[in-house]
Amino acid sequence: SMASALVASGGGRLVAVLCVDGNGQYLSPCGRCRQILFEHGGNQLQIMTPNGAATMSEFLPWAFGPDDLEKSK
């Protein structure tokens, strides 16, 4: 997967994602993928939709990720 390749290559942050089917039609990332994308791109990650770019926070409001673990310490 894209996130696995990112981690294997030394990390970094995702800034934009386009998810399409075999015919090139836009797809909405599934719930599991949304969580993984959030963990590697954060709230400002841009996801292309048929209506233009949307932020990860629009796709996954009230997300819980690695930064929340730091707050609890």
PDB file of N, CA and C in Angstrom:
ATOM      1  N   SER A   1       0.828  -1.183   0.000  1.00  0.00           N
ATOM      2  CA  SER A   1       0.000   0.000   0.000  1.00  0.00           C
ATOM      3  C   SER A   1       0.876   1.252   0.000  1.00  0.00           C
ATOM      4  N   MET A   2       0.276   2.362  -0.312  1.00  0.00           N
ATOM      5  CA  MET A   2       0.986   3.639  -0.367  1.00  0.00           C
ATOM      6  C   MET A   2       1.593   3.985   0.997  1.00  0.00           C
ATOM      7  N   ALA A   3       0.837   3.798   2.067  1.00  0.00           N
ATOM      8  CA  ALA A   3       1.338   4.131   3.400  1.00  0.00           C
ATOM      9  C   ALA A   3       2.491   3.208   3.796  1.00  0.00           C
ATOM     10  N   SER A   4       2.399   1.939   3.453  1.00  0.00           N
ATOM     11  CA  SER A   4       3.489   0.997   3.755  1.00  0.00           C
ATOM     12  C   SER A   4       4.762   1.386   3.016  1.00  0.00           C
ATOM     13  N   ALA A   5       4.631   1.786   1.750  1.00  0.00           N
ATOM     14  CA  ALA A   5       5.786   2.223   0.970  1.00  0.00           C
ATOM     15  C   ALA A   5       6.392   3.488   1.562  1.00  0.00           C
ATOM     16  N   LEU A   6       5.549   4.377   2.066  1.00  0.00           N
ATOM     17  CA  LEU A   6       6.024   5.606   2.700  1.00  0.00           C
ATOM     18  C   LEU A   6       6.870   5.276   3.923  1.00  0.00           C
ATOM     19  N   VAL A   7       6.377   4.401   4.774  1.00  0.00           N
ATOM     20  CA  VAL A   7       7.105   4.012   5.980  1.00  0.00           C
ATOM     21  C   VAL A   7       8.394   3.280   5.619  1.00  0.00           C
ATOM     22  N   ALA A   8       8.324   2.354   4.653  1.00  0.00           N
ATOM     23  CA  ALA A   8       9.495   1.576   4.254  1.00  0.00           C
ATOM     24  C   ALA A   8      10.591   2.445   3.650  1.00  0.00           C
ATOM     25  N   SER A   9      10.211   3.566   3.042  1.00  0.00           N
ATOM     26  CA  SER A   9      11.204   4.426   2.403  1.00  0.00           C
ATOM     27  C   SER A   9      11.784   5.475   3.353  1.00  0.00           C
ATOM     28  N   GLY A  10      11.381   5.439   4.605  1.00  0.00           N
ATOM     29  CA  GLY A  10      11.950   6.364   5.575  1.00  0.00           C
ATOM     30  C   GLY A  10      10.964   7.368   6.135  1.00  0.00           C
ATOM     31  N   GLY A  11       9.725   7.315   5.681  1.00  0.00           N
ATOM     32  CA  GLY A  11       8.698   8.169   6.263  1.00  0.00           C
ATOM     33  C   GLY A  11       8.492   9.460   5.522  1.00  0.00           C
ATOM     34  N   GLY A  12       7.869  10.389   6.204  1.00  0.00           N
ATOM     35  CA  GLY A  12       7.458  11.649   5.614  1.00  0.00           C
ATOM     36  C   GLY A  12       5.974  11.804   5.831  1.00  0.00           C
ATOM     37  N   ARG A  13       5.392  12.830   5.242  1.00  0.00           N
ATOM     38  CA  ARG A  13       3.967  13.090   5.385  1.00  0.00           C
ATOM     39  C   ARG A  13       3.311  13.092   4.013  1.00  0.00           C
ATOM     40  N   LEU A  14       2.127  12.518   3.945  1.00  0.00           N
ATOM     41  CA  LEU A  14       1.326  12.614   2.729  1.00  0.00           C
ATOM     42  C   LEU A  14       0.716  14.006   2.667  1.00  0.00           C
ATOM     43  N   VAL A  15       0.663  14.589   1.502  1.00  0.00           N
ATOM     44  CA  VAL A  15       0.068  15.924   1.361  1.00  0.00           C
ATOM     45  C   VAL A  15      -1.171  15.909   0.466  1.00  0.00           C
ATOM     46  N   ALA A  16      -1.266  14.944  -0.456  1.00  0.00           N
ATOM     47  CA  ALA A  16      -2.417  14.864  -1.354  1.00  0.00           C
ATOM     48  C   ALA A  16      -2.593  13.428  -1.833  1.00  0.00           C
ATOM     49  N   VAL A  17      -3.857  13.037  -2.018  1.00  0.00           N
ATOM     50  CA  VAL A  17      -4.180  11.671  -2.420  1.00  0.00           C
ATOM     51  C   VAL A  17      -5.300  11.709  -3.450  1.00  0.00           C
ATOM     52  N   LEU A  18      -5.206  10.825  -4.417  1.00  0.00           N
ATOM     53  CA  LEU A  18      -6.271  10.614  -5.389  1.00  0.00           C
ATOM     54  C   LEU A  18      -6.570   9.127  -5.390  1.00  0.00           C
ATOM     55  N   CYS A  19      -7.786   8.751  -5.112  1.00  0.00           N
ATOM     56  CA  CYS A  19      -8.197   7.351  -5.055  1.00  0.00           C
ATOM     57  C   CYS A  19      -9.166   7.097  -6.205  1.00  0.00           C
ATOM     58  N   VAL A  20      -8.820   6.141  -7.093  1.00  0.00           N
ATOM     59  CA  VAL A  20      -9.661   5.852  -8.260  1.00  0.00           C
ATOM     60  C   VAL A  20      -9.856   4.350  -8.430  1.00  0.00           C
ATOM     61  N   ASP A  21     -10.900   3.984  -9.178  1.00  0.00           N
ATOM     62  CA  ASP A  21     -11.126   2.581  -9.502  1.00  0.00           C
ATOM     63  C   ASP A  21     -10.365   2.223 -10.784  1.00  0.00           C
ATOM     64  N   GLY A  22     -10.553   1.020 -11.267  1.00  0.00           N
ATOM     65  CA  GLY A  22      -9.860   0.551 -12.460  1.00  0.00           C
ATOM     66  C   GLY A  22     -10.169   1.337 -13.717  1.00  0.00           C
ATOM     67  N   ASN A  23     -11.263   2.092 -13.709  1.00  0.00           N
ATOM     68  CA  ASN A  23     -11.645   2.913 -14.855  1.00  0.00           C
ATOM     69  C   ASN A  23     -11.267   4.370 -14.684  1.00  0.00           C
ATOM     70  N   GLY A  24     -10.562   4.696 -13.589  1.00  0.00           N
ATOM     71  CA  GLY A  24     -10.147   6.069 -13.355  1.00  0.00           C
ATOM     72  C   GLY A  24     -11.208   6.943 -12.704  1.00  0.00           C
ATOM     73  N   GLN A  25     -12.302   6.339 -12.242  1.00  0.00           N
ATOM     74  CA  GLN A  25     -13.366   7.089 -11.573  1.00  0.00           C
ATOM     75  C   GLN A  25     -13.001   7.298 -10.104  1.00  0.00           C
ATOM     76  N   TYR A  26     -13.285   8.488  -9.588  1.00  0.00           N
ATOM     77  CA  TYR A  26     -12.981   8.789  -8.189  1.00  0.00           C
ATOM     78  C   TYR A  26     -13.679   7.818  -7.243  1.00  0.00           C
ATOM     79  N   LEU A  27     -12.953   7.413  -6.211  1.00  0.00           N
ATOM     80  CA  LEU A  27     -13.500   6.607  -5.129  1.00  0.00           C
ATOM     81  C   LEU A  27     -13.266   7.336  -3.821  1.00  0.00           C
ATOM     82  N   SER A  28     -14.156   7.148  -2.884  1.00  0.00           N
ATOM     83  CA  SER A  28     -13.949   7.656  -1.536  1.00  0.00           C
ATOM     84  C   SER A  28     -13.185   6.588  -0.761  1.00  0.00           C
ATOM     85  N   PRO A  29     -12.119   6.958  -0.061  1.00  0.00           N
ATOM     86  CA  PRO A  29     -11.391   5.958   0.720  1.00  0.00           C
ATOM     87  C   PRO A  29     -12.310   5.325   1.770  1.00  0.00           C
ATOM     88  N   CYS A  30     -12.139   4.033   1.998  1.00  0.00           N
ATOM     89  CA  CYS A  30     -12.937   3.338   3.011  1.00  0.00           C
ATOM     90  C   CYS A  30     -12.529   3.805   4.409  1.00  0.00           C
ATOM     91  N   GLY A  31     -13.243   3.392   5.419  1.00  0.00           N
ATOM     92  CA  GLY A  31     -12.966   3.816   6.794  1.00  0.00           C
ATOM     93  C   GLY A  31     -11.561   3.468   7.257  1.00  0.00           C
ATOM     94  N   ARG A  32     -11.116   2.255   6.991  1.00  0.00           N
ATOM     95  CA  ARG A  32      -9.759   1.838   7.383  1.00  0.00           C
ATOM     96  C   ARG A  32      -8.718   2.695   6.681  1.00  0.00           C
ATOM     97  N   CYS A  33      -8.905   2.912   5.394  1.00  0.00           N
ATOM     98  CA  CYS A  33      -7.957   3.736   4.637  1.00  0.00           C
ATOM     99  C   CYS A  33      -7.964   5.179   5.119  1.00  0.00           C
ATOM    100  N   ARG A  34      -9.133   5.702   5.473  1.00  0.00           N
ATOM    101  CA  ARG A  34      -9.203   7.067   5.993  1.00  0.00           C
ATOM    102  C   ARG A  34      -8.360   7.208   7.251  1.00  0.00           C
ATOM    103  N   GLN A  35      -8.425   6.215   8.129  1.00  0.00           N
ATOM    104  CA  GLN A  35      -7.630   6.268   9.359  1.00  0.00           C
ATOM    105  C   GLN A  35      -6.141   6.232   9.038  1.00  0.00           C
ATOM    106  N   ILE A  36      -5.735   5.351   8.143  1.00  0.00           N
ATOM    107  CA  ILE A  36      -4.321   5.246   7.769  1.00  0.00           C
ATOM    108  C   ILE A  36      -3.853   6.534   7.101  1.00  0.00           C
ATOM    109  N   LEU A  37      -4.671   7.083   6.202  1.00  0.00           N
ATOM    110  CA  LEU A  37      -4.317   8.346   5.553  1.00  0.00           C
ATOM    111  C   LEU A  37      -4.187   9.463   6.583  1.00  0.00           C
ATOM    112  N   PHE A  38      -5.100   9.513   7.549  1.00  0.00           N
ATOM    113  CA  PHE A  38      -5.030  10.531   8.602  1.00  0.00           C
ATOM    114  C   PHE A  38      -3.734  10.410   9.392  1.00  0.00           C
ATOM    115  N   GLU A  39      -3.356   9.194   9.750  1.00  0.00           N
ATOM    116  CA  GLU A  39      -2.154   8.988  10.543  1.00  0.00           C
ATOM    117  C   GLU A  39      -0.888   9.399   9.800  1.00  0.00           C
ATOM    118  N   HIS A  40      -0.924   9.379   8.474  1.00  0.00           N
ATOM    119  CA  HIS A  40       0.258   9.721   7.680  1.00  0.00           C
ATOM    120  C   HIS A  40       0.154  11.074   6.976  1.00  0.00           C
ATOM    121  N   GLY A  41      -0.966  11.752   7.128  1.00  0.00           N
ATOM    122  CA  GLY A  41      -1.121  13.044   6.469  1.00  0.00           C
ATOM    123  C   GLY A  41      -1.763  14.116   7.324  1.00  0.00           C
ATOM    124  N   GLY A  42      -2.477  13.709   8.355  1.00  0.00           N
ATOM    125  CA  GLY A  42      -3.118  14.673   9.249  1.00  0.00           C
ATOM    126  C   GLY A  42      -4.353  15.324   8.659  1.00  0.00           C
ATOM    127  N   ASN A  43      -4.897  16.266   9.405  1.00  0.00           N
ATOM    128  CA  ASN A  43      -6.149  16.929   9.029  1.00  0.00           C
ATOM    129  C   ASN A  43      -6.072  17.694   7.716  1.00  0.00           C
ATOM    130  N   GLN A  44      -4.896  18.170   7.342  1.00  0.00           N
ATOM    131  CA  GLN A  44      -4.784  19.007   6.146  1.00  0.00           C
ATOM    132  C   GLN A  44      -4.487  18.224   4.872  1.00  0.00           C
ATOM    133  N   LEU A  45      -4.337  16.905   4.957  1.00  0.00           N
ATOM    134  CA  LEU A  45      -4.152  16.085   3.758  1.00  0.00           C
ATOM    135  C   LEU A  45      -5.281  16.366   2.774  1.00  0.00           C
ATOM    136  N   GLN A  46      -4.953  16.606   1.522  1.00  0.00           N
ATOM    137  CA  GLN A  46      -5.932  16.906   0.483  1.00  0.00           C
ATOM    138  C   GLN A  46      -6.322  15.613  -0.236  1.00  0.00           C
ATOM    139  N   ILE A  47      -7.630  15.390  -0.372  1.00  0.00           N
ATOM    140  CA  ILE A  47      -8.155  14.232  -1.090  1.00  0.00           C
ATOM    141  C   ILE A  47      -9.007  14.756  -2.236  1.00  0.00           C
ATOM    142  N   MET A  48      -8.703  14.316  -3.447  1.00  0.00           N
ATOM    143  CA  MET A  48      -9.451  14.779  -4.608  1.00  0.00           C
ATOM    144  C   MET A  48     -10.810  14.076  -4.664  1.00  0.00           C
ATOM    145  N   THR A  49     -11.856  14.857  -4.907  1.00  0.00           N
ATOM    146  CA  THR A  49     -13.219  14.345  -5.053  1.00  0.00           C
ATOM    147  C   THR A  49     -13.767  14.849  -6.388  1.00  0.00           C
ATOM    148  N   PRO A  50     -14.908  14.355  -6.825  1.00  0.00           N
ATOM    149  CA  PRO A  50     -15.505  14.881  -8.056  1.00  0.00           C
ATOM    150  C   PRO A  50     -15.806  16.382  -7.969  1.00  0.00           C
ATOM    151  N   ASN A  51     -15.908  16.913  -6.756  1.00  0.00           N
ATOM    152  CA  ASN A  51     -16.199  18.341  -6.558  1.00  0.00           C
ATOM    153  C   ASN A  51     -14.954  19.163  -6.256  1.00  0.00           C
ATOM    154  N   GLY A  52     -13.786  18.583  -6.404  1.00  0.00           N
ATOM    155  CA  GLY A  52     -12.537  19.278  -6.088  1.00  0.00           C
ATOM    156  C   GLY A  52     -11.884  18.690  -4.840  1.00  0.00           C
ATOM    157  N   ALA A  53     -10.823  19.334  -4.391  1.00  0.00           N
ATOM    158  CA  ALA A  53     -10.075  18.829  -3.242  1.00  0.00           C
ATOM    159  C   ALA A  53     -10.842  19.077  -1.941  1.00  0.00           C
ATOM    160  N   ALA A  54     -10.747  18.117  -1.028  1.00  0.00           N
ATOM    161  CA  ALA A  54     -11.321  18.223   0.310  1.00  0.00           C
ATOM    162  C   ALA A  54     -10.231  17.842   1.303  1.00  0.00           C
ATOM    163  N   THR A  55     -10.314  18.346   2.500  1.00  0.00           N
ATOM    164  CA  THR A  55      -9.315  18.001   3.517  1.00  0.00           C
ATOM    165  C   THR A  55      -9.688  16.705   4.213  1.00  0.00           C
ATOM    166  N   MET A  56      -8.682  16.084   4.797  1.00  0.00           N
ATOM    167  CA  MET A  56      -8.901  14.855   5.553  1.00  0.00           C
ATOM    168  C   MET A  56      -9.896  15.088   6.677  1.00  0.00           C
ATOM    169  N   SER A  57      -9.877  16.268   7.299  1.00  0.00           N
ATOM    170  CA  SER A  57     -10.803  16.532   8.398  1.00  0.00           C
ATOM    171  C   SER A  57     -12.255  16.515   7.925  1.00  0.00           C
ATOM    172  N   GLU A  58     -12.495  16.765   6.642  1.00  0.00           N
ATOM    173  CA  GLU A  58     -13.849  16.649   6.097  1.00  0.00           C
ATOM    174  C   GLU A  58     -14.255  15.188   5.922  1.00  0.00           C
ATOM    175  N   PHE A  59     -13.287  14.340   5.610  1.00  0.00           N
ATOM    176  CA  PHE A  59     -13.550  12.919   5.420  1.00  0.00           C
ATOM    177  C   PHE A  59     -13.606  12.165   6.741  1.00  0.00           C
ATOM    178  N   LEU A  60     -12.862  12.643   7.728  1.00  0.00           N
ATOM    179  CA  LEU A  60     -12.761  11.927   9.002  1.00  0.00           C
ATOM    180  C   LEU A  60     -12.818  12.929  10.152  1.00  0.00           C
ATOM    181  N   PRO A  61     -14.017  13.500  10.388  1.00  0.00           N
ATOM    182  CA  PRO A  61     -14.117  14.474  11.479  1.00  0.00           C
ATOM    183  C   PRO A  61     -13.884  13.807  12.829  1.00  0.00           C
ATOM    184  N   TRP A  62     -13.379  14.560  13.760  1.00  0.00           N
ATOM    185  CA  TRP A  62     -13.113  14.088  15.125  1.00  0.00           C
ATOM    186  C   TRP A  62     -12.141  12.907  15.127  1.00  0.00           C
ATOM    187  N   ALA A  63     -11.189  12.918  14.233  1.00  0.00           N
ATOM    188  CA  ALA A  63     -10.240  11.811  14.101  1.00  0.00           C
ATOM    189  C   ALA A  63      -9.369  11.673  15.346  1.00  0.00           C
ATOM    190  N   PHE A  64      -8.936  10.458  15.604  1.00  0.00           N
ATOM    191  CA  PHE A  64      -8.032  10.138  16.704  1.00  0.00           C
ATOM    192  C   PHE A  64      -6.767   9.566  16.089  1.00  0.00           C
ATOM    193  N   GLY A  65      -5.622  10.129  16.452  1.00  0.00           N
ATOM    194  CA  GLY A  65      -4.373   9.655  15.876  1.00  0.00           C
ATOM    195  C   GLY A  65      -3.216   9.752  16.841  1.00  0.00           C
ATOM    196  N   PRO A  66      -1.997   9.611  16.324  1.00  0.00           N
ATOM    197  CA  PRO A  66      -0.792   9.601  17.152  1.00  0.00           C
ATOM    198  C   PRO A  66      -0.638  10.838  18.041  1.00  0.00           C
ATOM    199  N   ASP A  67      -1.027  12.007  17.561  1.00  0.00           N
ATOM    200  CA  ASP A  67      -0.908  13.217  18.379  1.00  0.00           C
ATOM    201  C   ASP A  67      -1.766  13.137  19.637  1.00  0.00           C
ATOM    202  N   ASP A  68      -2.894  12.451  19.554  1.00  0.00           N
ATOM    203  CA  ASP A  68      -3.759  12.311  20.732  1.00  0.00           C
ATOM    204  C   ASP A  68      -3.116  11.431  21.791  1.00  0.00           C
ATOM    205  N   LEU A  69      -2.299  10.480  21.399  1.00  0.00           N
ATOM    206  CA  LEU A  69      -1.597   9.628  22.356  1.00  0.00           C
ATOM    207  C   LEU A  69      -0.594  10.441  23.169  1.00  0.00           C
ATOM    208  N   GLU A  70       0.046  11.407  22.521  1.00  0.00           N
ATOM    209  CA  GLU A  70       1.009  12.270  23.212  1.00  0.00           C
ATOM    210  C   GLU A  70       0.318  13.153  24.251  1.00  0.00           C
ATOM    211  N   LYS A  71      -0.899  13.579  23.978  1.00  0.00           N
ATOM    212  CA  LYS A  71      -1.633  14.464  24.894  1.00  0.00           C
ATOM    213  C   LYS A  71      -1.977  13.764  26.205  1.00  0.00           C
ATOM    214  N   SER A  72      -2.147  12.453  26.159  1.00  0.00           N
ATOM    215  CA  SER A  72      -2.575  11.725  27.356  1.00  0.00           C
ATOM    216  C   SER A  72      -1.437  11.450  28.328  1.00  0.00           C
ATOM    217  N   LYS A  73      -0.212  11.720  27.928  1.00  0.00           N
ATOM    218  CA  LYS A  73       0.940  11.443  28.812  1.00  0.00           C
ATOM    219  C   LYS A  73       1.165  12.566  29.785  1.00  0.00           C
TER     220      LYS A  73
END
